[in-house]
Amino acid sequence: MPGNLHVVPEAILVSWPKANFVDPVRRGWMPAFAMTWQAVATILLAARFYLRARRQAGEFGLDDLMIFIGWFFSIGFTTTAWIGTERYDLDRHTWDVHPQLYVGTALNGWTAQLMFILSTVPTKLSVLLFYRRMIKDSLDKRWLYAIYFAISLTAAYGFAVFLTYCNMCHPLSAYWLSYDFSYKGNFVCINGNALTVTSGVFSCLSDTYAVALPCLILRHYRLDVPKRQKLALNLIFAMGFLVTGAGIGRTFYLWKINHTYDTSWAGFSLFVWSVVECHLAIVCACAPSLR
């Protein structure tokens, strides 16, 4: 089927426990978890803009516009995480999810993937544009070209994935309507399983590049910075690698959700890692402005 829900073989169905729609096993902490991360990212973004407005952290630039766009769509992603668990029962095992919710679950999942791309790609571009702002007149042009290469690659990746998600099926609505057992429309869909895992791998690679690049620049030039500032930079780099770690966790569950019939249980874990990656990236992007 087009989305991450699978047609469950009869042999698997008979092995499942009896459906429990009254008091199933649940993981009900997603709303608080997602909102906490959203609040932290919002506070850091507000502090960044406050310092920019007071000229205490440089002037506003294109990197600030990108981080605002990333933050704006992170709200949409947080909303899908909330709705997925509270409205479409993503916090329980698949056998405890009512089939009437399948269409809404698929639509919410498609929306979440779109919101994630629209949030994380501008955030990564913001980080890279910040590097360009910092070194454009001071370092070897080769490092500047490396940054431009990363910007181009990240933008191309984001555009390609966004365009593909918007053309997953023809018609697109079949991506979620096909989970309605009464749906009789004709449709054609691409292999969404391969797309999601591939996009996860590329996301991890771009995360790693965005963190490794300033580390290599500092190491190459052995910049003499105060001990306190060096400690702050190392902390920011460590947080950046945590973003990469969260991306690896997300990619694993992108693979896992395509290799299990208990898709709602795996989907919940996918949302957890995605929430961390999405919002921690914003935190890391704002941290240098708070030095």
C-alpha atoms as a PDB file:
ATOM      1  CA  MET A   1       0.000   0.000   0.000  1.00  0.00           C
ATOM      2  CA  PRO A   2       1.196   3.588  -0.587  1.00  0.00           C
ATOM      3  CA  GLY A   3       1.800   4.674   2.995  1.00  0.00           C
ATOM      4  CA  ASN A   4       3.521   3.031   5.946  1.00  0.00           C
ATOM      5  CA  LEU A   5       0.494   0.978   6.943  1.00  0.00           C
ATOM      6  CA  HIS A   6       0.599  -2.570   5.630  1.00  0.00           C
ATOM      7  CA  VAL A   7      -1.906  -5.160   4.518  1.00  0.00           C
ATOM      8  CA  VAL A   8      -1.559  -7.646   7.372  1.00  0.00           C
ATOM      9  CA  PRO A   9      -1.508 -11.337   6.363  1.00  0.00           C
ATOM     10  CA  GLU A  10      -4.142 -13.532   7.960  1.00  0.00           C
ATOM     11  CA  ALA A  11      -1.449 -15.609   9.677  1.00  0.00           C
ATOM     12  CA  ILE A  12      -0.235 -12.477  11.470  1.00  0.00           C
ATOM     13  CA  LEU A  13      -3.747 -11.275  12.280  1.00  0.00           C
ATOM     14  CA  VAL A  14      -4.688 -14.468  14.097  1.00  0.00           C
ATOM     15  CA  SER A  15      -1.523 -14.216  16.221  1.00  0.00           C
ATOM     16  CA  TRP A  16      -2.420 -10.740  17.500  1.00  0.00           C
ATOM     17  CA  PRO A  17      -4.170 -10.199  20.842  1.00  0.00           C
ATOM     18  CA  LYS A  18      -7.856  -9.354  20.804  1.00  0.00           C
ATOM     19  CA  ALA A  19      -8.458  -5.692  19.960  1.00  0.00           C
ATOM     20  CA  ASN A  20      -8.886  -3.475  23.013  1.00  0.00           C
ATOM     21  CA  PHE A  21     -10.499  -0.135  22.188  1.00  0.00           C
ATOM     22  CA  VAL A  22     -11.424   0.660  25.809  1.00  0.00           C
ATOM     23  CA  ASP A  23      -8.266   0.632  27.923  1.00  0.00           C
ATOM     24  CA  PRO A  24      -5.315  -0.475  25.753  1.00  0.00           C
ATOM     25  CA  VAL A  25      -1.633  -0.172  26.590  1.00  0.00           C
ATOM     26  CA  ARG A  26      -0.743   3.439  25.779  1.00  0.00           C
ATOM     27  CA  ARG A  27       2.213   5.798  25.776  1.00  0.00           C
ATOM     28  CA  GLY A  28       0.379   8.992  26.562  1.00  0.00           C
ATOM     29  CA  TRP A  29       3.307  11.335  27.120  1.00  0.00           C
ATOM     30  CA  MET A  30       3.795  12.544  23.534  1.00  0.00           C
ATOM     31  CA  PRO A  31       1.869  15.864  23.878  1.00  0.00           C
ATOM     32  CA  ALA A  32       3.918  16.981  26.900  1.00  0.00           C
ATOM     33  CA  PHE A  33       7.141  15.731  25.294  1.00  0.00           C
ATOM     34  CA  ALA A  34       6.558  17.508  21.977  1.00  0.00           C
ATOM     35  CA  MET A  35       5.343  20.735  23.570  1.00  0.00           C
ATOM     36  CA  THR A  36       8.358  20.876  25.895  1.00  0.00           C
ATOM     37  CA  TRP A  37      10.731  20.666  22.946  1.00  0.00           C
ATOM     38  CA  GLN A  38       8.676  23.235  21.042  1.00  0.00           C
ATOM     39  CA  ALA A  39       8.791  25.610  24.011  1.00  0.00           C
ATOM     40  CA  VAL A  40      12.579  25.279  24.379  1.00  0.00           C
ATOM     41  CA  ALA A  41      13.107  25.955  20.666  1.00  0.00           C
ATOM     42  CA  THR A  42      10.762  28.948  20.815  1.00  0.00           C
ATOM     43  CA  ILE A  43      12.536  30.464  23.827  1.00  0.00           C
ATOM     44  CA  LEU A  44      15.939  30.123  22.148  1.00  0.00           C
ATOM     45  CA  LEU A  45      14.619  31.644  18.927  1.00  0.00           C
ATOM     46  CA  ALA A  46      13.054  34.565  20.812  1.00  0.00           C
ATOM     47  CA  ALA A  47      16.340  35.173  22.651  1.00  0.00           C
ATOM     48  CA  ARG A  48      18.231  35.125  19.351  1.00  0.00           C
ATOM     49  CA  PHE A  49      15.902  37.686  17.767  1.00  0.00           C
ATOM     50  CA  TYR A  50      15.939  39.838  20.903  1.00  0.00           C
ATOM     51  CA  LEU A  51      19.732  40.051  20.831  1.00  0.00           C
ATOM     52  CA  ARG A  52      19.674  40.722  17.095  1.00  0.00           C
ATOM     53  CA  ALA A  53      17.202  43.583  17.596  1.00  0.00           C
ATOM     54  CA  ARG A  54      19.465  45.101  20.262  1.00  0.00           C
ATOM     55  CA  ARG A  55      22.526  44.665  17.995  1.00  0.00           C
ATOM     56  CA  GLN A  56      24.162  42.495  20.657  1.00  0.00           C
ATOM     57  CA  ALA A  57      24.492  39.491  18.344  1.00  0.00           C
ATOM     58  CA  GLY A  58      25.012  41.073  14.947  1.00  0.00           C
ATOM     59  CA  GLU A  59      22.398  42.270  12.496  1.00  0.00           C
ATOM     60  CA  PHE A  60      19.471  40.387  11.030  1.00  0.00           C
ATOM     61  CA  GLY A  61      20.380  38.349   7.977  1.00  0.00           C
ATOM     62  CA  LEU A  62      19.176  35.621   5.650  1.00  0.00           C
ATOM     63  CA  ASP A  63      20.122  33.006   8.241  1.00  0.00           C
ATOM     64  CA  ASP A  64      17.558  34.542  10.610  1.00  0.00           C
ATOM     65  CA  LEU A  65      14.842  34.301   7.969  1.00  0.00           C
ATOM     66  CA  MET A  66      15.676  30.636   7.409  1.00  0.00           C
ATOM     67  CA  ILE A  67      15.594  29.766  11.106  1.00  0.00           C
ATOM     68  CA  PHE A  68      12.234  31.526  11.446  1.00  0.00           C
ATOM     69  CA  ILE A  69      10.832  29.461   8.571  1.00  0.00           C
ATOM     70  CA  GLY A  70      12.223  26.302  10.163  1.00  0.00           C
ATOM     71  CA  TRP A  71      10.670  27.214  13.517  1.00  0.00           C
ATOM     72  CA  PHE A  72       7.313  28.084  11.900  1.00  0.00           C
ATOM     73  CA  PHE A  73       6.994  24.666  10.269  1.00  0.00           C
ATOM     74  CA  SER A  74       8.234  22.959  13.446  1.00  0.00           C
ATOM     75  CA  ILE A  75       4.942  24.097  14.978  1.00  0.00           C
ATOM     76  CA  GLY A  76       3.139  22.189  12.241  1.00  0.00           C
ATOM     77  CA  PHE A  77       5.269  19.121  12.911  1.00  0.00           C
ATOM     78  CA  THR A  78       4.642  19.315  16.660  1.00  0.00           C
ATOM     79  CA  THR A  79       0.929  19.528  15.903  1.00  0.00           C
ATOM     80  CA  THR A  80       1.036  16.343  13.814  1.00  0.00           C
ATOM     81  CA  ALA A  81       2.842  14.541  16.646  1.00  0.00           C
ATOM     82  CA  TRP A  82       0.111  15.655  19.034  1.00  0.00           C
ATOM     83  CA  ILE A  83      -2.755  14.775  16.686  1.00  0.00           C
ATOM     84  CA  GLY A  84      -1.189  11.448  15.772  1.00  0.00           C
ATOM     85  CA  THR A  85      -1.292  10.228  19.352  1.00  0.00           C
ATOM     86  CA  GLU A  86      -4.377  11.991  20.697  1.00  0.00           C
ATOM     87  CA  ARG A  87      -6.689  11.690  17.671  1.00  0.00           C
ATOM     88  CA  TYR A  88      -5.382   8.733  15.678  1.00  0.00           C
ATOM     89  CA  ASP A  89      -4.180   6.432  18.492  1.00  0.00           C
ATOM     90  CA  LEU A  90      -0.532   6.298  17.430  1.00  0.00           C
ATOM     91  CA  ASP A  91       0.385   5.725  21.075  1.00  0.00           C
ATOM     92  CA  ARG A  92      -0.894   2.128  21.094  1.00  0.00           C
ATOM     93  CA  HIS A  93      -0.346  -1.159  19.271  1.00  0.00           C
ATOM     94  CA  THR A  94      -1.833  -1.521  15.799  1.00  0.00           C
ATOM     95  CA  TRP A  95      -4.270  -4.208  16.916  1.00  0.00           C
ATOM     96  CA  ASP A  96      -5.791  -1.672  19.324  1.00  0.00           C
ATOM     97  CA  VAL A  97      -6.297   0.999  16.632  1.00  0.00           C
ATOM     98  CA  HIS A  98      -9.777   1.112  15.106  1.00  0.00           C
ATOM     99  CA  PRO A  99      -9.720   0.638  11.296  1.00  0.00           C
ATOM    100  CA  GLN A 100     -11.868   3.764  10.913  1.00  0.00           C
ATOM    101  CA  LEU A 101      -8.789   5.785  11.919  1.00  0.00           C
ATOM    102  CA  TYR A 102      -6.509   4.420   9.189  1.00  0.00           C
ATOM    103  CA  VAL A 103      -7.295   7.131   6.618  1.00  0.00           C
ATOM    104  CA  GLY A 104      -6.678   9.940   9.106  1.00  0.00           C
ATOM    105  CA  THR A 105      -3.502   8.234  10.319  1.00  0.00           C
ATOM    106  CA  ALA A 106      -2.094   8.039   6.780  1.00  0.00           C
ATOM    107  CA  LEU A 107      -2.996  11.679   6.058  1.00  0.00           C
ATOM    108  CA  ASN A 108      -1.442  12.825   9.338  1.00  0.00           C
ATOM    109  CA  GLY A 109       1.697  10.801   8.598  1.00  0.00           C
ATOM    110  CA  TRP A 110       2.045  12.341   5.137  1.00  0.00           C
ATOM    111  CA  THR A 111       1.570  15.831   6.601  1.00  0.00           C
ATOM    112  CA  ALA A 112       4.163  15.117   9.307  1.00  0.00           C
ATOM    113  CA  GLN A 113       6.768  14.104   6.720  1.00  0.00           C
ATOM    114  CA  LEU A 114       6.133  17.305   4.793  1.00  0.00           C
ATOM    115  CA  MET A 115       6.315  19.483   7.932  1.00  0.00           C
ATOM    116  CA  PHE A 116       9.558  17.792   8.977  1.00  0.00           C
ATOM    117  CA  ILE A 117      11.251  18.574   5.663  1.00  0.00           C
ATOM    118  CA  LEU A 118       9.925  22.145   5.631  1.00  0.00           C
ATOM    119  CA  SER A 119      11.306  22.665   9.142  1.00  0.00           C
ATOM    120  CA  THR A 120      14.671  20.902   9.120  1.00  0.00           C
ATOM    121  CA  VAL A 121      15.917  21.988   5.684  1.00  0.00           C
ATOM    122  CA  PRO A 122      15.593  25.759   6.383  1.00  0.00           C
ATOM    123  CA  THR A 123      17.160  25.170   9.810  1.00  0.00           C
ATOM    124  CA  LYS A 124      20.190  23.513   8.218  1.00  0.00           C
ATOM    125  CA  LEU A 125      20.397  26.306   5.652  1.00  0.00           C
ATOM    126  CA  SER A 126      20.332  28.822   8.505  1.00  0.00           C
ATOM    127  CA  VAL A 127      23.342  27.144  10.126  1.00  0.00           C
ATOM    128  CA  LEU A 128      25.276  27.098   6.855  1.00  0.00           C
ATOM    129  CA  LEU A 129      24.391  30.719   6.066  1.00  0.00           C
ATOM    130  CA  PHE A 130      25.595  31.675   9.539  1.00  0.00           C
ATOM    131  CA  TYR A 131      28.954  30.051   8.763  1.00  0.00           C
ATOM    132  CA  ARG A 132      29.101  31.988   5.491  1.00  0.00           C
ATOM    133  CA  ARG A 133      28.403  35.234   7.325  1.00  0.00           C
ATOM    134  CA  MET A 134      31.177  34.533   9.828  1.00  0.00           C
ATOM    135  CA  ILE A 135      33.985  33.616   7.429  1.00  0.00           C
ATOM    136  CA  LYS A 136      33.203  35.176   4.052  1.00  0.00           C
ATOM    137  CA  ASP A 137      35.953  37.801   4.348  1.00  0.00           C
ATOM    138  CA  SER A 138      38.438  36.078   6.607  1.00  0.00           C
ATOM    139  CA  LEU A 139      39.250  32.525   5.521  1.00  0.00           C
ATOM    140  CA  ASP A 140      40.468  30.618   2.491  1.00  0.00           C
ATOM    141  CA  LYS A 141      37.994  30.686  -0.404  1.00  0.00           C
ATOM    142  CA  ARG A 142      38.040  26.894  -0.475  1.00  0.00           C
ATOM    143  CA  TRP A 143      36.178  26.808   2.843  1.00  0.00           C
ATOM    144  CA  LEU A 144      33.670  29.283   1.479  1.00  0.00           C
ATOM    145  CA  TYR A 145      33.130  27.048  -1.554  1.00  0.00           C
ATOM    146  CA  ALA A 146      32.626  24.099   0.784  1.00  0.00           C
ATOM    147  CA  ILE A 147      29.858  26.037   2.520  1.00  0.00           C
ATOM    148  CA  TYR A 148      28.239  26.995  -0.791  1.00  0.00           C
ATOM    149  CA  PHE A 149      28.394  23.352  -1.846  1.00  0.00           C
ATOM    150  CA  ALA A 150      26.655  22.304   1.375  1.00  0.00           C
ATOM    151  CA  ILE A 151      23.987  24.990   0.916  1.00  0.00           C
ATOM    152  CA  SER A 152      23.309  23.867  -2.658  1.00  0.00           C
ATOM    153  CA  LEU A 153      23.201  20.189  -1.709  1.00  0.00           C
ATOM    154  CA  THR A 154      20.872  20.793   1.246  1.00  0.00           C
ATOM    155  CA  ALA A 155      18.502  22.959  -0.794  1.00  0.00           C
ATOM    156  CA  ALA A 156      18.451  20.438  -3.651  1.00  0.00           C
ATOM    157  CA  TYR A 157      17.792  17.561  -1.239  1.00  0.00           C
ATOM    158  CA  GLY A 158      14.943  19.439   0.422  1.00  0.00           C
ATOM    159  CA  PHE A 159      13.344  20.430  -2.884  1.00  0.00           C
ATOM    160  CA  ALA A 160      13.623  16.906  -4.305  1.00  0.00           C
ATOM    161  CA  VAL A 161      12.110  15.229  -1.235  1.00  0.00           C
ATOM    162  CA  PHE A 162       9.332  17.828  -0.966  1.00  0.00           C
ATOM    163  CA  LEU A 163       8.460  17.422  -4.645  1.00  0.00           C
ATOM    164  CA  THR A 164       8.465  13.639  -4.337  1.00  0.00           C
ATOM    165  CA  TYR A 165       6.191  13.654  -1.290  1.00  0.00           C
ATOM    166  CA  CYS A 166       3.769  15.879  -3.203  1.00  0.00           C
ATOM    167  CA  ASN A 167       3.693  13.303  -6.008  1.00  0.00           C
ATOM    168  CA  MET A 168       3.653  10.097  -3.982  1.00  0.00           C
ATOM    169  CA  CYS A 169       0.448   8.950  -5.644  1.00  0.00           C
ATOM    170  CA  HIS A 170      -1.651   9.903  -8.615  1.00  0.00           C
ATOM    171  CA  PRO A 171      -4.049  11.186  -7.508  1.00  0.00           C
ATOM    172  CA  LEU A 172      -2.243  12.312  -4.353  1.00  0.00           C
ATOM    173  CA  SER A 173      -5.317  11.748  -2.159  1.00  0.00           C
ATOM    174  CA  ALA A 174      -4.978   8.014  -2.767  1.00  0.00           C
ATOM    175  CA  TYR A 175      -2.011   8.065  -0.391  1.00  0.00           C
ATOM    176  CA  TRP A 176      -4.495   8.160   2.497  1.00  0.00           C
ATOM    177  CA  LEU A 177      -7.884   7.361   0.933  1.00  0.00           C
ATOM    178  CA  SER A 178      -6.662   3.919  -0.137  1.00  0.00           C
ATOM    179  CA  TYR A 179      -6.858   2.896   3.535  1.00  0.00           C
ATOM    180  CA  ASP A 180     -10.621   3.238   3.353  1.00  0.00           C
ATOM    181  CA  PHE A 181     -11.792  -0.300   2.588  1.00  0.00           C
ATOM    182  CA  SER A 182     -14.653   1.127   0.508  1.00  0.00           C
ATOM    183  CA  TYR A 183     -12.343   3.208  -1.716  1.00  0.00           C
ATOM    184  CA  LYS A 184     -12.699   2.101  -5.346  1.00  0.00           C
ATOM    185  CA  GLY A 185     -10.647   4.722  -7.184  1.00  0.00           C
ATOM    186  CA  ASN A 186      -7.793   3.886  -9.543  1.00  0.00           C
ATOM    187  CA  PHE A 187      -4.375   5.115  -8.446  1.00  0.00           C
ATOM    188  CA  VAL A 188      -0.653   4.652  -8.965  1.00  0.00           C
ATOM    189  CA  CYS A 189       1.937   5.209  -6.192  1.00  0.00           C
ATOM    190  CA  ILE A 190       5.713   5.152  -6.000  1.00  0.00           C
ATOM    191  CA  ASN A 191       7.676   3.076  -3.486  1.00  0.00           C
ATOM    192  CA  GLY A 192       7.309   5.246  -0.387  1.00  0.00           C
ATOM    193  CA  ASN A 193       9.335   2.856   1.774  1.00  0.00           C
ATOM    194  CA  ALA A 194      12.537   3.420  -0.191  1.00  0.00           C
ATOM    195  CA  LEU A 195      11.943   7.180  -0.273  1.00  0.00           C
ATOM    196  CA  THR A 196      11.538   7.598   3.481  1.00  0.00           C
ATOM    197  CA  VAL A 197      14.673   5.632   4.365  1.00  0.00           C
ATOM    198  CA  THR A 198      16.748   7.337   1.659  1.00  0.00           C
ATOM    199  CA  SER A 199      15.616  10.782   2.807  1.00  0.00           C
ATOM    200  CA  GLY A 200      16.518   9.825   6.385  1.00  0.00           C
ATOM    201  CA  VAL A 201      20.035   8.816   5.348  1.00  0.00           C
ATOM    202  CA  PHE A 202      20.567  12.057   3.408  1.00  0.00           C
ATOM    203  CA  SER A 203      19.247  14.042   6.367  1.00  0.00           C
ATOM    204  CA  CYS A 204      21.836  12.399   8.644  1.00  0.00           C
ATOM    205  CA  LEU A 205      24.620  13.108   6.162  1.00  0.00           C
ATOM    206  CA  SER A 206      23.658  16.773   5.898  1.00  0.00           C
ATOM    207  CA  ASP A 207      23.497  17.012   9.709  1.00  0.00           C
ATOM    208  CA  THR A 208      26.996  15.561   9.967  1.00  0.00           C
ATOM    209  CA  TYR A 209      28.360  17.907   7.293  1.00  0.00           C
ATOM    210  CA  ALA A 210      26.856  20.966   8.981  1.00  0.00           C
ATOM    211  CA  VAL A 211      28.533  20.064  12.289  1.00  0.00           C
ATOM    212  CA  ALA A 212      31.834  18.756  10.946  1.00  0.00           C
ATOM    213  CA  LEU A 213      32.528  21.766   8.715  1.00  0.00           C
ATOM    214  CA  PRO A 214      33.100  24.351  11.491  1.00  0.00           C
ATOM    215  CA  CYS A 215      35.066  21.774  13.483  1.00  0.00           C
ATOM    216  CA  LEU A 216      37.414  21.300  10.534  1.00  0.00           C
ATOM    217  CA  ILE A 217      37.714  25.056   9.989  1.00  0.00           C
ATOM    218  CA  LEU A 218      38.655  25.686  13.619  1.00  0.00           C
ATOM    219  CA  ARG A 219      41.097  22.778  13.603  1.00  0.00           C
ATOM    220  CA  HIS A 220      42.710  23.871  10.345  1.00  0.00           C
ATOM    221  CA  TYR A 221      43.261  27.483  11.394  1.00  0.00           C
ATOM    222  CA  ARG A 222      43.860  26.745  15.084  1.00  0.00           C
ATOM    223  CA  LEU A 223      41.976  29.918  15.951  1.00  0.00           C
ATOM    224  CA  ASP A 224      43.037  31.445  19.247  1.00  0.00           C
ATOM    225  CA  VAL A 225      39.816  31.967  21.181  1.00  0.00           C
ATOM    226  CA  PRO A 226      39.289  32.488  24.921  1.00  0.00           C
ATOM    227  CA  LYS A 227      38.892  29.323  26.980  1.00  0.00           C
ATOM    228  CA  ARG A 228      35.298  30.153  27.887  1.00  0.00           C
ATOM    229  CA  GLN A 229      34.339  30.704  24.258  1.00  0.00           C
ATOM    230  CA  LYS A 230      36.135  27.532  23.210  1.00  0.00           C
ATOM    231  CA  LEU A 231      34.148  25.589  25.823  1.00  0.00           C
ATOM    232  CA  ALA A 232      30.918  27.092  24.489  1.00  0.00           C
ATOM    233  CA  LEU A 233      31.857  26.170  20.917  1.00  0.00           C
ATOM    234  CA  ASN A 234      32.655  22.598  21.918  1.00  0.00           C
ATOM    235  CA  LEU A 235      29.297  22.369  23.686  1.00  0.00           C
ATOM    236  CA  ILE A 236      27.509  23.594  20.566  1.00  0.00           C
ATOM    237  CA  PHE A 237      29.392  21.076  18.415  1.00  0.00           C
ATOM    238  CA  ALA A 238      28.481  18.293  20.854  1.00  0.00           C
ATOM    239  CA  MET A 239      24.825  19.296  20.621  1.00  0.00           C
ATOM    240  CA  GLY A 240      25.157  19.250  16.846  1.00  0.00           C
ATOM    241  CA  PHE A 241      26.355  15.662  16.916  1.00  0.00           C
ATOM    242  CA  LEU A 242      23.389  14.856  19.173  1.00  0.00           C
ATOM    243  CA  VAL A 243      21.176  16.128  16.344  1.00  0.00           C
ATOM    244  CA  THR A 244      22.945  13.671  14.049  1.00  0.00           C
ATOM    245  CA  GLY A 245      22.377  10.926  16.629  1.00  0.00           C
ATOM    246  CA  ALA A 246      18.676  11.755  16.734  1.00  0.00           C
ATOM    247  CA  GLY A 247      18.645  11.630  12.935  1.00  0.00           C
ATOM    248  CA  ILE A 248      20.160   8.144  13.032  1.00  0.00           C
ATOM    249  CA  GLY A 249      17.466   7.076  15.510  1.00  0.00           C
ATOM    250  CA  ARG A 250      14.802   8.542  13.230  1.00  0.00           C
ATOM    251  CA  THR A 251      16.245   6.780  10.182  1.00  0.00           C
ATOM    252  CA  PHE A 252      16.235   3.455  12.039  1.00  0.00           C
ATOM    253  CA  TYR A 253      12.532   3.804  12.776  1.00  0.00           C
ATOM    254  CA  LEU A 254      11.862   4.891   9.192  1.00  0.00           C
ATOM    255  CA  TRP A 255      13.301   1.504   8.279  1.00  0.00           C
ATOM    256  CA  LYS A 256      11.575  -0.260  11.179  1.00  0.00           C
ATOM    257  CA  ILE A 257       8.111   1.029  10.301  1.00  0.00           C
ATOM    258  CA  ASN A 258       8.506  -0.560   6.870  1.00  0.00           C
ATOM    259  CA  HIS A 259       9.465  -3.937   8.361  1.00  0.00           C
ATOM    260  CA  THR A 260       6.818  -4.435  11.018  1.00  0.00           C
ATOM    261  CA  TYR A 261       3.065  -4.876  11.022  1.00  0.00           C
ATOM    262  CA  ASP A 262       2.811  -3.053  14.351  1.00  0.00           C
ATOM    263  CA  THR A 263       3.231   0.248  12.525  1.00  0.00           C
ATOM    264  CA  SER A 264       1.565   2.479  15.108  1.00  0.00           C
ATOM    265  CA  TRP A 265       3.964   1.356  17.858  1.00  0.00           C
ATOM    266  CA  ALA A 266       6.992   1.933  15.615  1.00  0.00           C
ATOM    267  CA  GLY A 267       5.442   5.168  14.338  1.00  0.00           C
ATOM    268  CA  PHE A 268       5.304   6.549  17.863  1.00  0.00           C
ATOM    269  CA  SER A 269       9.052   5.989  18.289  1.00  0.00           C
ATOM    270  CA  LEU A 270       9.607   7.578  14.881  1.00  0.00           C
ATOM    271  CA  PHE A 271       7.790  10.688  16.086  1.00  0.00           C
ATOM    272  CA  VAL A 272       9.881  10.771  19.280  1.00  0.00           C
ATOM    273  CA  TRP A 273      13.199  10.826  17.414  1.00  0.00           C
ATOM    274  CA  SER A 274      11.831  13.237  14.811  1.00  0.00           C
ATOM    275  CA  VAL A 275      10.679  15.694  17.488  1.00  0.00           C
ATOM    276  CA  VAL A 276      14.141  15.638  19.078  1.00  0.00           C
ATOM    277  CA  GLU A 277      15.962  16.099  15.761  1.00  0.00           C
ATOM    278  CA  CYS A 278      13.658  18.870  14.554  1.00  0.00           C
ATOM    279  CA  HIS A 279      13.768  21.010  17.690  1.00  0.00           C
ATOM    280  CA  LEU A 280      17.319  20.292  18.832  1.00  0.00           C
ATOM    281  CA  ALA A 281      18.479  21.496  15.405  1.00  0.00           C
ATOM    282  CA  ILE A 282      16.745  24.834  16.044  1.00  0.00           C
ATOM    283  CA  VAL A 283      18.344  25.048  19.489  1.00  0.00           C
ATOM    284  CA  CYS A 284      21.801  24.417  18.000  1.00  0.00           C
ATOM    285  CA  ALA A 285      21.195  26.974  15.245  1.00  0.00           C
ATOM    286  CA  CYS A 286      20.289  29.637  17.819  1.00  0.00           C
ATOM    287  CA  ALA A 287      23.006  28.831  20.360  1.00  0.00           C
ATOM    288  CA  PRO A 288      25.906  30.710  18.648  1.00  0.00           C
ATOM    289  CA  SER A 289      23.894  33.946  18.776  1.00  0.00           C
ATOM    290  CA  LEU A 290      23.625  33.630  22.571  1.00  0.00           C
ATOM    291  CA  ARG A 291      27.352  33.426  23.197  1.00  0.00           C
END
